[in-house]
Amino acid sequence: MTVSIEKMEPIILASASPRRKELLSQARIPFIIRPSDFNETLEMTGSPAEIAEALAYFKALDVAKKTDRGMVLGADTIVVLDDMIFGKPADDDEAYFMLSRLNGHEHSVITGVALIDSEKGTVKKSHELTKVRFAELSQEEIRYYISTGEPEGKAGAYAVQGIGAMLVESIDGCYSNVVGLPLLKLRRMLEDFNIHVMSNRK
């Protein structure tokens, strides 16, 4: 049975990320928040895309195990440069290292997305990749950006939707992916579950 946006139950977002909350609200997709307790600092093996998908899946699975029904959404964003994966910086020194490496270079932003129907156990996993090129920045500019506090909790130590927009020279691909959740990818994955978020809007 096809379900429209007006009749769908709220998605369960397995994340406390304010960026993902804002993106779902922007898309007018109904959701509730139940953050995952999965330890995302665990060592993972595989390609960057496989790691991003696995992290998203384990986040969603952690929440799905605790609920009887509902569509659980897990997501995880990583930044990749020369096969080096940058997650969230632990402190200002790590943020400086990340930003210095990204400085003047093109890198990949990969977001793994996982959907689990907690009632049926059905799983869909995918990922989105966007290319981002940083402008040439001086050490003073990098240190100023870190002083704003914005790099904290951000993959690759920057937020393209904030002050970090002034660090970015170009974006090739999905913008919302760089923010933290590829909305077009999510829409198509929901359609695999016969949930159509682009129909019957009032």
N, C-alpha and C. Protein backbone atom coordinates (compact mmCIF):
# COMPACT_ATOMS: atom_id res chain seq x y z
N MET A 1 0.84 -1.20 0.00
CA MET A 1 0.00 0.00 0.00
C MET A 1 0.87 1.25 0.00
N THR A 2 0.55 2.19 -0.87
CA THR A 2 1.28 3.45 -0.94
C THR A 2 0.80 4.40 0.15
N VAL A 3 1.76 4.99 0.87
CA VAL A 3 1.44 5.92 1.95
C VAL A 3 1.93 7.31 1.56
N SER A 4 1.05 8.30 1.67
CA SER A 4 1.43 9.68 1.34
C SER A 4 1.96 10.38 2.59
N ILE A 5 2.51 11.56 2.38
CA ILE A 5 3.08 12.34 3.48
C ILE A 5 2.05 12.64 4.56
N GLU A 6 0.79 12.83 4.16
CA GLU A 6 -0.23 13.19 5.13
C GLU A 6 -0.63 12.03 6.03
N LYS A 7 -0.40 10.79 5.56
CA LYS A 7 -0.84 9.62 6.31
C LYS A 7 0.30 8.84 6.96
N MET A 8 1.53 9.22 6.66
CA MET A 8 2.65 8.46 7.19
C MET A 8 2.87 8.72 8.67
N GLU A 9 3.31 7.69 9.37
CA GLU A 9 3.69 7.85 10.77
C GLU A 9 5.04 8.57 10.82
N PRO A 10 5.28 9.32 11.88
CA PRO A 10 6.57 10.02 11.96
C PRO A 10 7.75 9.05 11.89
N ILE A 11 8.76 9.44 11.15
CA ILE A 11 10.02 8.69 11.12
C ILE A 11 10.68 8.84 12.49
N ILE A 12 11.37 7.80 12.92
CA ILE A 12 12.12 7.86 14.17
C ILE A 12 13.57 8.18 13.82
N LEU A 13 14.02 9.37 14.15
CA LEU A 13 15.38 9.80 13.84
C LEU A 13 16.31 9.34 14.96
N ALA A 14 17.23 8.43 14.61
CA ALA A 14 18.15 7.86 15.59
C ALA A 14 19.37 8.76 15.77
N SER A 15 19.13 10.03 16.00
CA SER A 15 20.21 11.02 16.08
C SER A 15 19.72 12.26 16.80
N ALA A 16 20.65 12.87 17.53
CA ALA A 16 20.34 14.14 18.19
C ALA A 16 20.88 15.32 17.40
N SER A 17 21.35 15.06 16.17
CA SER A 17 21.96 16.10 15.35
C SER A 17 20.98 17.22 15.03
N PRO A 18 21.28 18.44 15.41
CA PRO A 18 20.39 19.55 15.06
C PRO A 18 20.34 19.81 13.57
N ARG A 19 21.41 19.47 12.83
CA ARG A 19 21.39 19.66 11.37
C ARG A 19 20.39 18.71 10.72
N ARG A 20 20.38 17.45 11.14
CA ARG A 20 19.43 16.50 10.55
C ARG A 20 18.00 16.86 10.94
N LYS A 21 17.82 17.32 12.15
CA LYS A 21 16.50 17.78 12.59
C LYS A 21 16.02 18.93 11.71
N GLU A 22 16.90 19.89 11.45
CA GLU A 22 16.53 21.05 10.63
C GLU A 22 16.21 20.63 9.19
N LEU A 23 16.98 19.69 8.64
CA LEU A 23 16.75 19.26 7.26
C LEU A 23 15.41 18.52 7.13
N LEU A 24 15.08 17.66 8.07
CA LEU A 24 13.80 16.97 8.02
C LEU A 24 12.64 17.95 8.18
N SER A 25 12.82 18.93 9.06
CA SER A 25 11.79 19.95 9.24
C SER A 25 11.63 20.77 7.97
N GLN A 26 12.74 21.10 7.34
CA GLN A 26 12.73 21.87 6.09
C GLN A 26 11.95 21.11 5.01
N ALA A 27 12.12 19.79 4.97
CA ALA A 27 11.44 18.97 3.97
C ALA A 27 10.01 18.62 4.38
N ARG A 28 9.61 19.05 5.56
CA ARG A 28 8.27 18.78 6.10
C ARG A 28 7.98 17.29 6.21
N ILE A 29 9.02 16.54 6.55
CA ILE A 29 8.86 15.11 6.81
C ILE A 29 8.63 14.94 8.30
N PRO A 30 7.50 14.37 8.71
CA PRO A 30 7.23 14.21 10.15
C PRO A 30 8.22 13.25 10.80
N PHE A 31 8.69 13.60 11.98
CA PHE A 31 9.67 12.75 12.65
C PHE A 31 9.64 12.98 14.16
N ILE A 32 10.15 12.02 14.89
CA ILE A 32 10.42 12.16 16.31
C ILE A 32 11.88 11.77 16.53
N ILE A 33 12.45 12.20 17.62
CA ILE A 33 13.87 11.97 17.88
C ILE A 33 14.05 10.95 19.00
N ARG A 34 14.81 9.91 18.70
CA ARG A 34 15.22 8.94 19.71
C ARG A 34 16.70 8.64 19.46
N PRO A 35 17.59 9.40 20.05
CA PRO A 35 19.02 9.25 19.77
C PRO A 35 19.54 7.84 20.04
N SER A 36 20.44 7.41 19.18
CA SER A 36 21.06 6.10 19.33
C SER A 36 22.16 6.16 20.39
N ASP A 37 22.36 5.03 21.09
CA ASP A 37 23.45 4.91 22.06
C ASP A 37 24.65 4.18 21.45
N PHE A 38 24.59 3.93 20.15
CA PHE A 38 25.69 3.20 19.50
C PHE A 38 26.99 3.99 19.61
N ASN A 39 28.07 3.30 19.94
CA ASN A 39 29.39 3.93 20.08
C ASN A 39 30.03 4.08 18.71
N GLU A 40 29.92 5.28 18.13
CA GLU A 40 30.42 5.48 16.78
C GLU A 40 31.93 5.64 16.70
N THR A 41 32.63 5.55 17.84
CA THR A 41 34.09 5.62 17.82
C THR A 41 34.72 4.24 17.63
N LEU A 42 33.90 3.18 17.54
CA LEU A 42 34.42 1.84 17.33
C LEU A 42 35.15 1.76 15.99
N GLU A 43 36.20 0.96 15.96
CA GLU A 43 36.96 0.78 14.72
C GLU A 43 36.12 0.01 13.70
N MET A 44 36.04 0.53 12.48
CA MET A 44 35.28 -0.12 11.41
C MET A 44 36.23 -0.38 10.24
N THR A 45 35.94 -1.44 9.50
CA THR A 45 36.76 -1.76 8.34
C THR A 45 35.92 -1.64 7.07
N GLY A 46 36.61 -1.48 5.94
CA GLY A 46 35.93 -1.35 4.66
C GLY A 46 36.26 -0.03 4.00
N SER A 47 35.63 0.22 2.87
CA SER A 47 35.81 1.49 2.17
C SER A 47 35.11 2.59 2.96
N PRO A 48 35.44 3.86 2.71
CA PRO A 48 34.74 4.95 3.41
C PRO A 48 33.22 4.87 3.27
N ALA A 49 32.72 4.54 2.06
CA ALA A 49 31.28 4.43 1.86
C ALA A 49 30.70 3.29 2.68
N GLU A 50 31.42 2.16 2.73
CA GLU A 50 30.95 1.02 3.52
C GLU A 50 30.93 1.36 5.00
N ILE A 51 31.92 2.10 5.46
CA ILE A 51 31.99 2.48 6.87
C ILE A 51 30.83 3.43 7.21
N ALA A 52 30.58 4.41 6.34
CA ALA A 52 29.49 5.36 6.58
C ALA A 52 28.14 4.63 6.64
N GLU A 53 27.93 3.69 5.72
CA GLU A 53 26.69 2.92 5.71
C GLU A 53 26.57 2.06 6.97
N ALA A 54 27.68 1.44 7.38
CA ALA A 54 27.65 0.58 8.56
C ALA A 54 27.33 1.38 9.81
N LEU A 55 27.95 2.55 9.95
CA LEU A 55 27.68 3.40 11.11
C LEU A 55 26.21 3.83 11.15
N ALA A 56 25.68 4.20 9.99
CA ALA A 56 24.27 4.58 9.91
C ALA A 56 23.37 3.41 10.30
N TYR A 57 23.71 2.22 9.80
CA TYR A 57 22.91 1.03 10.08
C TYR A 57 22.91 0.69 11.57
N PHE A 58 24.09 0.69 12.18
CA PHE A 58 24.17 0.33 13.60
C PHE A 58 23.46 1.35 14.49
N LYS A 59 23.48 2.61 14.09
CA LYS A 59 22.71 3.62 14.83
C LYS A 59 21.22 3.32 14.74
N ALA A 60 20.76 3.05 13.52
CA ALA A 60 19.33 2.76 13.33
C ALA A 60 18.94 1.47 14.04
N LEU A 61 19.80 0.45 13.96
CA LEU A 61 19.51 -0.84 14.58
C LEU A 61 19.39 -0.71 16.09
N ASP A 62 20.26 0.09 16.69
CA ASP A 62 20.21 0.29 18.14
C ASP A 62 18.85 0.80 18.59
N VAL A 63 18.28 1.71 17.82
CA VAL A 63 16.97 2.27 18.16
C VAL A 63 15.85 1.31 17.77
N ALA A 64 15.99 0.67 16.60
CA ALA A 64 14.94 -0.25 16.13
C ALA A 64 14.71 -1.39 17.10
N LYS A 65 15.78 -1.84 17.77
CA LYS A 65 15.65 -2.94 18.74
C LYS A 65 14.81 -2.54 19.95
N LYS A 66 14.67 -1.23 20.15
CA LYS A 66 13.97 -0.74 21.34
C LYS A 66 12.55 -0.28 21.05
N THR A 67 12.10 -0.49 19.81
CA THR A 67 10.76 -0.05 19.44
C THR A 67 10.04 -1.16 18.67
N ASP A 68 8.74 -1.26 18.86
CA ASP A 68 7.95 -2.32 18.23
C ASP A 68 7.53 -1.98 16.80
N ARG A 69 7.38 -0.70 16.52
CA ARG A 69 6.94 -0.31 15.18
C ARG A 69 7.48 1.07 14.85
N GLY A 70 7.53 1.35 13.54
CA GLY A 70 8.01 2.65 13.09
C GLY A 70 9.21 2.52 12.18
N MET A 71 9.41 3.52 11.33
CA MET A 71 10.54 3.57 10.41
C MET A 71 11.68 4.33 11.09
N VAL A 72 12.77 3.64 11.31
CA VAL A 72 13.92 4.24 12.00
C VAL A 72 14.95 4.70 10.98
N LEU A 73 15.41 5.93 11.13
CA LEU A 73 16.40 6.53 10.23
C LEU A 73 17.71 6.73 10.95
N GLY A 74 18.75 6.12 10.43
CA GLY A 74 20.10 6.35 10.94
C GLY A 74 20.95 6.99 9.86
N ALA A 75 21.85 7.86 10.25
CA ALA A 75 22.73 8.53 9.28
C ALA A 75 24.08 8.81 9.92
N ASP A 76 25.11 8.80 9.10
CA ASP A 76 26.45 9.15 9.59
C ASP A 76 27.23 9.79 8.46
N THR A 77 27.83 10.93 8.76
CA THR A 77 28.58 11.70 7.77
C THR A 77 30.07 11.67 8.08
N ILE A 78 30.87 11.39 7.06
CA ILE A 78 32.32 11.42 7.21
C ILE A 78 32.91 12.26 6.08
N VAL A 79 34.09 12.77 6.32
CA VAL A 79 34.84 13.53 5.33
C VAL A 79 36.08 12.72 4.97
N VAL A 80 36.37 12.62 3.67
CA VAL A 80 37.47 11.78 3.22
C VAL A 80 38.42 12.58 2.32
N LEU A 81 39.69 12.53 2.64
CA LEU A 81 40.73 13.16 1.83
C LEU A 81 41.90 12.19 1.71
N ASP A 82 42.25 11.81 0.48
CA ASP A 82 43.38 10.90 0.25
C ASP A 82 43.26 9.64 1.09
N ASP A 83 42.07 9.05 1.13
CA ASP A 83 41.79 7.80 1.87
C ASP A 83 41.86 7.97 3.38
N MET A 84 42.02 9.20 3.85
CA MET A 84 41.99 9.46 5.29
C MET A 84 40.59 9.92 5.67
N ILE A 85 40.01 9.28 6.68
CA ILE A 85 38.65 9.61 7.11
C ILE A 85 38.70 10.59 8.28
N PHE A 86 37.98 11.68 8.12
CA PHE A 86 37.87 12.68 9.19
C PHE A 86 36.46 12.62 9.77
N GLY A 87 36.37 12.31 11.03
CA GLY A 87 35.09 12.36 11.73
C GLY A 87 34.96 13.69 12.46
N LYS A 88 34.45 13.64 13.67
CA LYS A 88 34.32 14.85 14.48
C LYS A 88 35.61 15.07 15.26
N PRO A 89 36.15 16.29 15.28
CA PRO A 89 37.40 16.53 16.00
C PRO A 89 37.21 16.40 17.51
N ALA A 90 38.21 15.82 18.17
CA ALA A 90 38.14 15.63 19.62
C ALA A 90 38.43 16.93 20.37
N ASP A 91 39.20 17.82 19.74
CA ASP A 91 39.57 19.07 20.39
C ASP A 91 40.02 20.08 19.32
N ASP A 92 40.44 21.27 19.76
CA ASP A 92 40.85 22.31 18.82
C ASP A 92 42.08 21.91 18.01
N ASP A 93 42.99 21.16 18.63
CA ASP A 93 44.20 20.74 17.91
C ASP A 93 43.86 19.81 16.76
N GLU A 94 42.92 18.89 17.01
CA GLU A 94 42.53 17.98 15.95
C GLU A 94 41.75 18.73 14.87
N ALA A 95 40.95 19.71 15.28
CA ALA A 95 40.23 20.53 14.30
C ALA A 95 41.23 21.27 13.42
N TYR A 96 42.29 21.80 14.01
CA TYR A 96 43.31 22.52 13.23
C TYR A 96 43.99 21.56 12.24
N PHE A 97 44.28 20.34 12.69
CA PHE A 97 44.90 19.36 11.80
C PHE A 97 44.00 19.07 10.61
N MET A 98 42.72 18.82 10.88
CA MET A 98 41.78 18.51 9.81
C MET A 98 41.66 19.65 8.82
N LEU A 99 41.43 20.84 9.32
CA LEU A 99 41.22 22.01 8.45
C LEU A 99 42.48 22.33 7.65
N SER A 100 43.64 22.12 8.26
CA SER A 100 44.90 22.36 7.55
C SER A 100 45.09 21.38 6.40
N ARG A 101 44.65 20.13 6.62
CA ARG A 101 44.75 19.13 5.56
C ARG A 101 43.76 19.41 4.43
N LEU A 102 42.56 19.87 4.79
CA LEU A 102 41.53 20.16 3.78
C LEU A 102 41.83 21.44 3.01
N ASN A 103 42.60 22.31 3.61
CA ASN A 103 42.89 23.63 3.06
C ASN A 103 43.38 23.59 1.60
N GLY A 104 42.61 24.23 0.71
CA GLY A 104 43.00 24.33 -0.68
C GLY A 104 42.81 23.06 -1.49
N HIS A 105 42.19 22.04 -0.91
CA HIS A 105 42.03 20.76 -1.60
C HIS A 105 40.56 20.39 -1.77
N GLU A 106 40.33 19.45 -2.69
CA GLU A 106 39.00 18.88 -2.85
C GLU A 106 38.92 17.61 -2.02
N HIS A 107 37.81 17.45 -1.31
CA HIS A 107 37.60 16.25 -0.51
C HIS A 107 36.19 15.72 -0.76
N SER A 108 35.92 14.54 -0.25
CA SER A 108 34.60 13.92 -0.40
C SER A 108 33.86 13.97 0.93
N VAL A 109 32.58 14.28 0.86
CA VAL A 109 31.70 14.16 2.02
C VAL A 109 30.75 13.01 1.73
N ILE A 110 30.79 12.01 2.59
CA ILE A 110 29.97 10.81 2.40
C ILE A 110 29.03 10.66 3.58
N THR A 111 27.74 10.56 3.29
CA THR A 111 26.75 10.29 4.34
C THR A 111 26.12 8.93 4.09
N GLY A 112 26.27 8.04 5.06
CA GLY A 112 25.58 6.77 5.02
C GLY A 112 24.17 6.96 5.56
N VAL A 113 23.21 6.32 4.92
CA VAL A 113 21.81 6.42 5.34
C VAL A 113 21.25 5.00 5.48
N ALA A 114 20.56 4.74 6.58
CA ALA A 114 19.93 3.44 6.80
C ALA A 114 18.50 3.64 7.28
N LEU A 115 17.59 2.87 6.71
CA LEU A 115 16.19 2.85 7.14
C LEU A 115 15.85 1.44 7.57
N ILE A 116 15.22 1.32 8.74
CA ILE A 116 14.79 0.02 9.24
C ILE A 116 13.32 0.09 9.63
N ASP A 117 12.52 -0.77 9.03
CA ASP A 117 11.14 -0.93 9.46
C ASP A 117 11.18 -1.82 10.70
N SER A 118 11.03 -1.24 11.87
CA SER A 118 11.25 -1.98 13.11
C SER A 118 10.22 -3.08 13.33
N GLU A 119 9.06 -2.97 12.70
CA GLU A 119 8.03 -4.00 12.85
C GLU A 119 8.33 -5.22 11.97
N LYS A 120 8.75 -4.96 10.72
CA LYS A 120 8.99 -6.05 9.77
C LYS A 120 10.45 -6.48 9.71
N GLY A 121 11.34 -5.60 10.18
CA GLY A 121 12.77 -5.91 10.14
C GLY A 121 13.42 -5.63 8.80
N THR A 122 12.67 -5.01 7.87
CA THR A 122 13.21 -4.69 6.55
C THR A 122 14.25 -3.57 6.65
N VAL A 123 15.35 -3.73 5.92
CA VAL A 123 16.46 -2.76 5.99
C VAL A 123 16.81 -2.25 4.60
N LYS A 124 17.03 -0.95 4.48
CA LYS A 124 17.57 -0.34 3.27
C LYS A 124 18.78 0.49 3.66
N LYS A 125 19.90 0.31 2.96
CA LYS A 125 21.11 1.08 3.22
C LYS A 125 21.62 1.70 1.93
N SER A 126 22.15 2.90 2.04
CA SER A 126 22.75 3.54 0.87
C SER A 126 23.67 4.66 1.37
N HIS A 127 24.23 5.41 0.43
CA HIS A 127 25.07 6.55 0.80
C HIS A 127 25.06 7.57 -0.32
N GLU A 128 25.46 8.76 0.01
CA GLU A 128 25.60 9.86 -0.97
C GLU A 128 27.00 10.42 -0.85
N LEU A 129 27.58 10.78 -1.99
CA LEU A 129 28.93 11.36 -2.01
C LEU A 129 28.89 12.71 -2.71
N THR A 130 29.46 13.71 -2.06
CA THR A 130 29.54 15.06 -2.62
C THR A 130 30.99 15.53 -2.57
N LYS A 131 31.44 16.16 -3.64
CA LYS A 131 32.80 16.71 -3.68
C LYS A 131 32.78 18.17 -3.22
N VAL A 132 33.67 18.51 -2.31
CA VAL A 132 33.77 19.88 -1.79
C VAL A 132 35.21 20.35 -1.91
N ARG A 133 35.38 21.55 -2.44
CA ARG A 133 36.73 22.13 -2.54
C ARG A 133 36.85 23.30 -1.59
N PHE A 134 37.89 23.26 -0.76
CA PHE A 134 38.18 24.36 0.15
C PHE A 134 38.97 25.45 -0.56
N ALA A 135 38.73 26.68 -0.18
CA ALA A 135 39.55 27.80 -0.64
C ALA A 135 40.91 27.74 0.07
N GLU A 136 41.85 28.53 -0.42
CA GLU A 136 43.14 28.64 0.25
C GLU A 136 42.97 29.53 1.48
N LEU A 137 43.28 29.01 2.64
CA LEU A 137 43.11 29.74 3.90
C LEU A 137 44.45 29.95 4.57
N SER A 138 44.59 31.07 5.26
CA SER A 138 45.79 31.32 6.03
C SER A 138 45.67 30.63 7.40
N GLN A 139 46.77 30.46 8.09
CA GLN A 139 46.74 29.89 9.44
C GLN A 139 45.87 30.74 10.36
N GLU A 140 45.95 32.05 10.18
CA GLU A 140 45.14 32.96 11.01
C GLU A 140 43.65 32.74 10.77
N GLU A 141 43.28 32.53 9.51
CA GLU A 141 41.86 32.31 9.18
C GLU A 141 41.36 30.98 9.75
N ILE A 142 42.22 29.95 9.68
CA ILE A 142 41.85 28.66 10.25
C ILE A 142 41.68 28.77 11.76
N ARG A 143 42.61 29.45 12.42
CA ARG A 143 42.52 29.59 13.88
C ARG A 143 41.32 30.44 14.28
N TYR A 144 41.01 31.46 13.48
CA TYR A 144 39.81 32.26 13.78
C TYR A 144 38.57 31.38 13.70
N TYR A 145 38.48 30.58 12.65
CA TYR A 145 37.30 29.74 12.49
C TYR A 145 37.16 28.78 13.67
N ILE A 146 38.25 28.19 14.10
CA ILE A 146 38.20 27.29 15.26
C ILE A 146 37.73 28.04 16.50
N SER A 147 38.15 29.30 16.64
CA SER A 147 37.77 30.09 17.82
C SER A 147 36.27 30.37 17.90
N THR A 148 35.57 30.23 16.77
CA THR A 148 34.11 30.46 16.78
C THR A 148 33.37 29.30 17.46
N GLY A 149 34.05 28.17 17.61
CA GLY A 149 33.42 26.99 18.21
C GLY A 149 32.63 26.15 17.24
N GLU A 150 32.49 26.61 15.99
CA GLU A 150 31.66 25.89 15.03
C GLU A 150 32.20 24.51 14.65
N PRO A 151 33.53 24.29 14.61
CA PRO A 151 34.03 22.97 14.22
C PRO A 151 33.64 21.85 15.19
N GLU A 152 33.30 22.19 16.41
CA GLU A 152 32.98 21.16 17.40
C GLU A 152 31.77 20.32 16.96
N GLY A 153 31.95 19.01 16.99
CA GLY A 153 30.86 18.11 16.65
C GLY A 153 30.55 18.00 15.17
N LYS A 154 31.43 18.54 14.31
CA LYS A 154 31.19 18.52 12.86
C LYS A 154 32.20 17.61 12.17
N ALA A 155 31.74 16.74 11.31
CA ALA A 155 32.65 15.90 10.54
C ALA A 155 33.55 16.78 9.69
N GLY A 156 34.86 16.55 9.76
CA GLY A 156 35.80 17.37 9.01
C GLY A 156 36.06 18.72 9.63
N ALA A 157 35.43 18.99 10.78
CA ALA A 157 35.63 20.22 11.56
C ALA A 157 35.11 21.49 10.89
N TYR A 158 34.03 21.34 10.07
CA TYR A 158 33.43 22.55 9.51
C TYR A 158 31.95 22.33 9.25
N ALA A 159 31.22 23.44 9.17
CA ALA A 159 29.78 23.40 8.90
C ALA A 159 29.49 24.29 7.71
N VAL A 160 29.13 23.68 6.58
CA VAL A 160 28.92 24.45 5.35
C VAL A 160 27.71 25.36 5.46
N GLN A 161 26.78 25.05 6.38
CA GLN A 161 25.59 25.87 6.53
C GLN A 161 25.80 27.03 7.49
N GLY A 162 27.01 27.15 8.03
CA GLY A 162 27.31 28.22 8.98
C GLY A 162 28.44 29.11 8.48
N ILE A 163 29.29 29.52 9.41
CA ILE A 163 30.45 30.34 9.06
C ILE A 163 31.34 29.59 8.07
N GLY A 164 31.30 28.27 8.17
CA GLY A 164 32.12 27.43 7.29
C GLY A 164 31.83 27.61 5.82
N ALA A 165 30.70 28.21 5.48
CA ALA A 165 30.40 28.49 4.07
C ALA A 165 31.48 29.37 3.45
N MET A 166 32.16 30.18 4.27
CA MET A 166 33.20 31.07 3.76
C MET A 166 34.53 30.36 3.56
N LEU A 167 34.58 29.07 3.90
CA LEU A 167 35.79 28.27 3.65
C LEU A 167 35.70 27.52 2.33
N VAL A 168 34.47 27.39 1.80
CA VAL A 168 34.21 26.50 0.67
C VAL A 168 34.20 27.25 -0.65
N GLU A 169 35.02 26.77 -1.57
CA GLU A 169 35.11 27.38 -2.91
C GLU A 169 34.05 26.82 -3.85
N SER A 170 33.79 25.51 -3.76
CA SER A 170 32.80 24.92 -4.65
C SER A 170 32.25 23.62 -4.07
N ILE A 171 31.04 23.27 -4.50
CA ILE A 171 30.39 22.01 -4.11
C ILE A 171 29.89 21.33 -5.38
N ASP A 172 30.25 20.08 -5.55
CA ASP A 172 29.81 19.30 -6.70
C ASP A 172 28.97 18.13 -6.18
N GLY A 173 27.65 18.30 -6.25
CA GLY A 173 26.77 17.25 -5.76
C GLY A 173 25.73 17.79 -4.80
N CYS A 174 25.21 16.91 -3.97
CA CYS A 174 24.09 17.22 -3.08
C CYS A 174 24.52 18.10 -1.90
N TYR A 175 23.93 19.29 -1.82
CA TYR A 175 24.27 20.22 -0.74
C TYR A 175 23.82 19.69 0.62
N SER A 176 22.58 19.17 0.70
CA SER A 176 22.08 18.71 2.01
C SER A 176 22.91 17.55 2.54
N ASN A 177 23.57 16.82 1.65
CA ASN A 177 24.48 15.76 2.07
C ASN A 177 25.63 16.33 2.89
N VAL A 178 26.16 17.47 2.47
CA VAL A 178 27.27 18.10 3.18
C VAL A 178 26.81 18.61 4.54
N VAL A 179 25.56 19.03 4.63
CA VAL A 179 25.00 19.48 5.90
C VAL A 179 24.82 18.29 6.85
N GLY A 180 24.47 17.12 6.29
CA GLY A 180 24.35 15.95 7.15
C GLY A 180 23.30 14.93 6.80
N LEU A 181 22.47 15.21 5.77
CA LEU A 181 21.45 14.24 5.37
C LEU A 181 21.03 14.50 3.93
N PRO A 182 21.33 13.58 3.02
CA PRO A 182 20.96 13.78 1.60
C PRO A 182 19.46 13.57 1.42
N LEU A 183 18.73 14.65 1.25
CA LEU A 183 17.27 14.57 1.24
C LEU A 183 16.71 13.84 0.02
N LEU A 184 17.31 14.04 -1.15
CA LEU A 184 16.82 13.33 -2.32
C LEU A 184 17.05 11.83 -2.17
N LYS A 185 18.21 11.46 -1.66
CA LYS A 185 18.49 10.04 -1.41
C LYS A 185 17.48 9.47 -0.43
N LEU A 186 17.19 10.22 0.65
CA LEU A 186 16.22 9.76 1.64
C LEU A 186 14.84 9.59 1.02
N ARG A 187 14.45 10.57 0.20
CA ARG A 187 13.14 10.49 -0.46
C ARG A 187 13.02 9.20 -1.27
N ARG A 188 14.06 8.88 -2.04
CA ARG A 188 14.02 7.69 -2.89
C ARG A 188 14.05 6.41 -2.06
N MET A 189 14.75 6.42 -0.96
CA MET A 189 14.78 5.24 -0.09
C MET A 189 13.41 5.02 0.57
N LEU A 190 12.76 6.11 0.96
CA LEU A 190 11.42 5.98 1.54
C LEU A 190 10.44 5.44 0.50
N GLU A 191 10.63 5.83 -0.76
CA GLU A 191 9.76 5.32 -1.82
C GLU A 191 9.91 3.81 -1.98
N ASP A 192 11.08 3.27 -1.64
CA ASP A 192 11.27 1.82 -1.66
C ASP A 192 10.37 1.12 -0.64
N PHE A 193 9.95 1.88 0.38
CA PHE A 193 9.01 1.37 1.38
C PHE A 193 7.58 1.81 1.07
N ASN A 194 7.37 2.35 -0.14
CA ASN A 194 6.05 2.86 -0.58
C ASN A 194 5.58 4.04 0.27
N ILE A 195 6.54 4.83 0.76
CA ILE A 195 6.23 6.07 1.46
C ILE A 195 6.63 7.21 0.54
N HIS A 196 5.66 8.02 0.14
CA HIS A 196 5.91 9.06 -0.85
C HIS A 196 5.75 10.44 -0.20
N VAL A 197 6.88 11.05 0.07
CA VAL A 197 6.86 12.33 0.80
C VAL A 197 6.64 13.53 -0.11
N MET A 198 6.52 13.29 -1.42
CA MET A 198 6.28 14.38 -2.35
C MET A 198 4.87 14.30 -2.94
N SER A 199 3.93 13.71 -2.21
CA SER A 199 2.57 13.60 -2.72
C SER A 199 1.56 13.98 -1.66
N ASN A 200 0.39 14.50 -2.17
CA ASN A 200 -0.76 14.83 -1.31
C ASN A 200 -0.43 15.80 -0.19
N ARG A 201 0.35 16.80 -0.51
CA ARG A 201 0.61 17.86 0.47
C ARG A 201 -0.54 18.86 0.44
N LYS A 202 -0.90 19.36 1.61
CA LYS A 202 -1.97 20.38 1.66
C LYS A 202 -1.36 21.73 1.35
